[in-house]
Protein backbone atom coordinates (compact mmCIF):
# COMPACT_ATOMS: atom_id res chain seq x y z
CA MET A 1 -0.27 0.18 -0.01
CA ILE A 2 1.50 3.16 -0.94
CA ARG A 3 0.91 5.67 1.98
CA PRO A 4 1.25 9.33 1.09
CA THR A 5 3.56 11.62 2.89
CA LEU A 6 1.65 14.42 4.21
CA ALA A 7 2.76 17.27 6.41
CA ILE A 8 -0.57 17.96 7.66
CA SER A 9 -0.83 17.96 12.04
CA LEU A 10 -2.92 16.30 13.83
CA PHE A 11 -4.12 17.19 17.09
CA LEU A 12 -6.87 16.97 19.30
CA LEU A 13 -8.94 19.90 19.90
CA SER A 14 -10.60 20.90 22.81
CA LYS A 15 -13.60 23.42 23.16
CA SER A 16 -11.19 26.00 24.66
CA ALA A 17 -8.69 25.39 22.06
CA THR A 18 -9.76 29.24 20.65
CA ALA A 19 -9.57 32.38 21.92
CA ALA A 20 -13.35 33.39 21.20
CA GLU A 21 -16.45 32.40 19.34
CA TYR A 22 -16.62 31.93 15.60
CA ASP A 23 -17.74 34.96 13.94
CA ARG A 24 -18.19 35.38 10.18
CA SER A 25 -17.60 38.98 9.95
CA ASP A 26 -14.03 38.32 11.73
CA TRP A 27 -13.15 37.04 8.27
CA GLY A 28 -13.44 40.26 6.27
CA VAL A 29 -15.57 38.39 3.85
CA TRP A 30 -16.27 40.24 1.19
CA SER A 31 -13.38 42.81 0.89
CA ASP A 32 -12.26 45.28 -1.83
CA PHE A 33 -8.90 45.59 -1.19
CA ASP A 34 -7.93 47.81 -4.39
CA ASN A 35 -10.58 49.84 -4.05
CA ASP A 36 -12.26 49.53 -7.31
CA CYS A 37 -16.07 48.96 -5.63
CA MET A 38 -16.08 45.29 -6.73
CA ASN A 39 -15.50 43.05 -4.14
CA THR A 40 -13.89 39.50 -3.38
CA ARG A 41 -17.09 37.78 -4.43
CA HIS A 42 -17.34 39.53 -7.56
CA GLU A 43 -13.89 39.41 -8.55
CA VAL A 44 -14.11 35.61 -8.10
CA LEU A 45 -17.33 35.71 -10.59
CA LEU A 46 -15.19 38.13 -13.40
CA ILE A 47 -11.90 35.91 -13.01
CA GLN A 48 -13.62 32.74 -12.63
CA ALA A 49 -16.09 33.56 -16.12
CA HIS A 50 -15.72 31.76 -19.04
CA GLY A 51 -15.78 34.26 -21.92
CA THR A 52 -17.36 37.91 -21.31
CA ALA A 53 -19.02 38.53 -18.33
CA LYS A 54 -21.44 41.46 -18.53
CA LEU A 55 -21.03 44.29 -15.25
CA SER A 56 -23.87 46.05 -13.77
CA PRO A 57 -23.83 49.61 -15.06
CA ASP A 58 -21.73 50.94 -11.88
CA GLY A 59 -19.14 48.46 -12.72
CA CYS A 60 -19.14 46.85 -9.28
CA TYR A 61 -21.02 44.00 -9.79
CA VAL A 62 -21.14 40.97 -12.15
CA SER A 63 -24.42 39.83 -12.97
CA THR A 64 -24.37 37.64 -16.24
CA GLY A 65 -21.78 35.42 -18.03
CA ARG A 66 -20.97 31.92 -18.11
CA TRP A 67 -19.79 29.59 -15.12
CA PHE A 68 -18.59 26.05 -15.02
CA ASP A 69 -19.36 24.75 -11.66
CA PRO A 70 -16.77 22.04 -10.82
CA TYR A 71 -19.32 20.78 -7.84
CA THR A 72 -21.85 19.52 -9.99
CA GLY A 73 -20.80 19.52 -13.53
CA LYS A 74 -23.39 22.26 -14.69
CA VAL A 75 -23.16 25.70 -16.26
CA PHE A 76 -24.62 28.76 -15.41
CA ASN A 77 -25.31 32.36 -16.62
CA ARG A 78 -26.63 34.26 -13.90
CA SER A 79 -24.22 35.21 -10.81
CA SER A 80 -27.56 35.06 -8.78
CA GLU A 81 -27.39 31.39 -8.93
CA LEU A 82 -24.07 30.95 -7.89
CA ASP A 83 -22.30 31.44 -4.36
CA VAL A 84 -18.59 32.01 -3.86
CA ASP A 85 -17.39 28.88 -1.86
CA HIS A 86 -14.49 28.94 0.60
CA ILE A 87 -13.40 25.63 -0.70
CA VAL A 88 -11.94 25.16 2.76
CA PRO A 89 -14.75 26.92 4.96
CA LEU A 90 -14.37 29.56 7.73
CA LYS A 91 -15.62 28.03 10.48
CA TRP A 92 -13.68 24.83 9.75
CA ALA A 93 -10.78 27.01 9.73
CA TYR A 94 -11.86 28.41 12.67
CA ASP A 95 -12.22 25.38 14.43
CA HIS A 96 -9.05 23.82 13.06
CA GLY A 97 -6.46 26.37 14.64
CA GLY A 98 -7.59 29.55 12.61
CA GLY A 99 -9.65 30.52 15.71
CA ASN A 100 -6.29 31.56 17.07
CA TRP A 101 -5.03 33.99 13.70
CA THR A 102 -5.07 37.86 13.83
CA ALA A 103 -7.69 39.40 12.51
CA LYS A 104 -5.28 40.59 9.47
CA ALA A 105 -4.91 36.86 8.88
CA LYS A 106 -8.16 35.83 9.13
CA VAL A 107 -9.48 38.40 6.76
CA SER A 108 -6.55 37.45 4.46
CA PHE A 109 -7.95 33.62 4.50
CA GLY A 110 -11.37 34.90 4.06
CA ASN A 111 -10.19 36.83 0.75
CA ASP A 112 -7.95 34.01 -0.54
CA MET A 113 -8.20 33.33 -4.54
CA GLU A 114 -7.02 30.09 -4.00
CA ASN A 115 -9.57 29.48 -1.32
CA LEU A 116 -12.69 30.69 -3.67
CA ILE A 117 -14.54 29.27 -6.35
CA ALA A 118 -17.82 30.08 -8.08
CA VAL A 119 -20.54 26.78 -7.41
CA ASP A 120 -24.01 26.58 -7.44
CA ASP A 121 -26.00 28.16 -4.53
CA GLY A 122 -27.89 25.17 -3.40
CA THR A 123 -24.80 22.72 -3.25
CA ASN A 124 -22.28 24.83 -1.86
CA GLN A 125 -25.15 25.43 1.08
CA SER A 126 -25.29 21.80 1.59
CA LYS A 127 -21.64 21.38 2.18
CA GLY A 128 -21.95 24.11 4.79
CA ALA A 129 -18.82 24.17 7.07
CA LYS A 130 -18.06 20.71 6.81
CA GLY A 131 -14.80 19.33 5.70
CA PRO A 132 -14.16 16.14 2.98
CA ASP A 133 -14.65 13.39 5.95
CA GLU A 134 -18.24 14.76 5.73
CA TRP A 135 -18.75 16.16 2.23
CA LEU A 136 -17.80 15.87 -1.21
CA PRO A 137 -18.37 17.65 -4.34
CA PRO A 138 -21.21 15.32 -6.13
CA ASN A 139 -19.26 15.54 -9.29
CA HIS A 140 -16.95 12.59 -8.98
CA GLN A 141 -14.75 13.56 -11.83
CA TYR A 142 -13.70 16.96 -9.33
CA ARG A 143 -13.62 15.11 -6.41
CA CYS A 144 -9.47 14.55 -6.55
CA GLN A 145 -8.87 18.22 -7.52
CA TYR A 146 -10.95 19.24 -4.62
CA LEU A 147 -8.94 16.99 -2.53
CA ALA A 148 -5.79 18.20 -3.81
CA ASP A 149 -7.16 21.86 -3.10
CA TRP A 150 -8.02 21.20 0.52
CA LYS A 151 -4.38 19.37 0.89
CA HIS A 152 -2.28 22.47 -0.48
CA LEU A 153 -4.79 24.78 1.57
CA ILE A 154 -4.31 23.13 4.89
CA GLU A 155 -1.05 23.03 4.31
CA LYS A 156 -0.48 26.69 3.28
CA TYR A 157 -2.41 27.76 6.14
CA LYS A 158 -1.09 25.02 8.86
CA LEU A 159 -4.84 24.12 9.50
CA LYS A 160 -4.73 20.75 12.13
CA LEU A 161 -6.92 18.00 10.81
CA ARG A 162 -8.25 15.71 14.20
CA SER A 163 -7.23 12.19 14.38
CA ALA A 164 -10.38 10.61 12.53
CA GLU A 165 -10.36 13.30 9.87
CA PHE A 166 -6.88 12.71 9.08
CA ARG A 167 -7.56 8.88 8.71
CA ILE A 168 -10.03 9.51 6.37
CA PHE A 169 -8.49 12.32 4.19
CA ASN A 170 -5.53 9.86 4.07
CA LYS A 171 -7.51 7.32 2.52
CA GLN A 172 -9.12 9.75 0.13
CA LEU A 173 -5.84 11.16 -0.93
CA THR A 174 -4.08 7.76 -1.48
CA ALA A 175 -7.11 6.70 -3.58
CA CYS A 176 -6.86 9.53 -5.88
CA GLY A 177 -3.13 9.16 -5.80
CA ILE A 178 -1.84 12.36 -4.16
CA GLY A 179 0.74 13.10 -1.77
CA LYS A 180 2.94 10.08 -2.95
């Protein structure tokens, strides 16, 4: 059996591992860092559109375009049908080490383009704050890429998996041939 080598830490998380209760507003979602009136959500929609996206008259919002949702394998034409998902959810990150981050680090994570993806809003809502041990995209052809993205992001941010999560995640990565 090939065992992936992971630079992912294991830990047992207690309720007191974080300083305060989770508050989504601490993560700066959705910010407008370049002050162009377009927040991170709409920057993602603009970047991830296939072809030209139509903007609002003031140029601050993306209204229509063409997006391929890798979670479902479906194509969407209205931005209102999409959520911009945090591949590694904010609450999950909070519970796995991010709760102790500085305010600046939380905002950086909440707006990291590597962690953001335009997807079907209903599918994103069904995912919630679940990790890959509890939820995987319904599109089986995308699952290994999703897991590779998770691996990259939790290593990048030094997030820590619990023992049971690690075992499941390790099996998933092995099945995909990731981490060798």
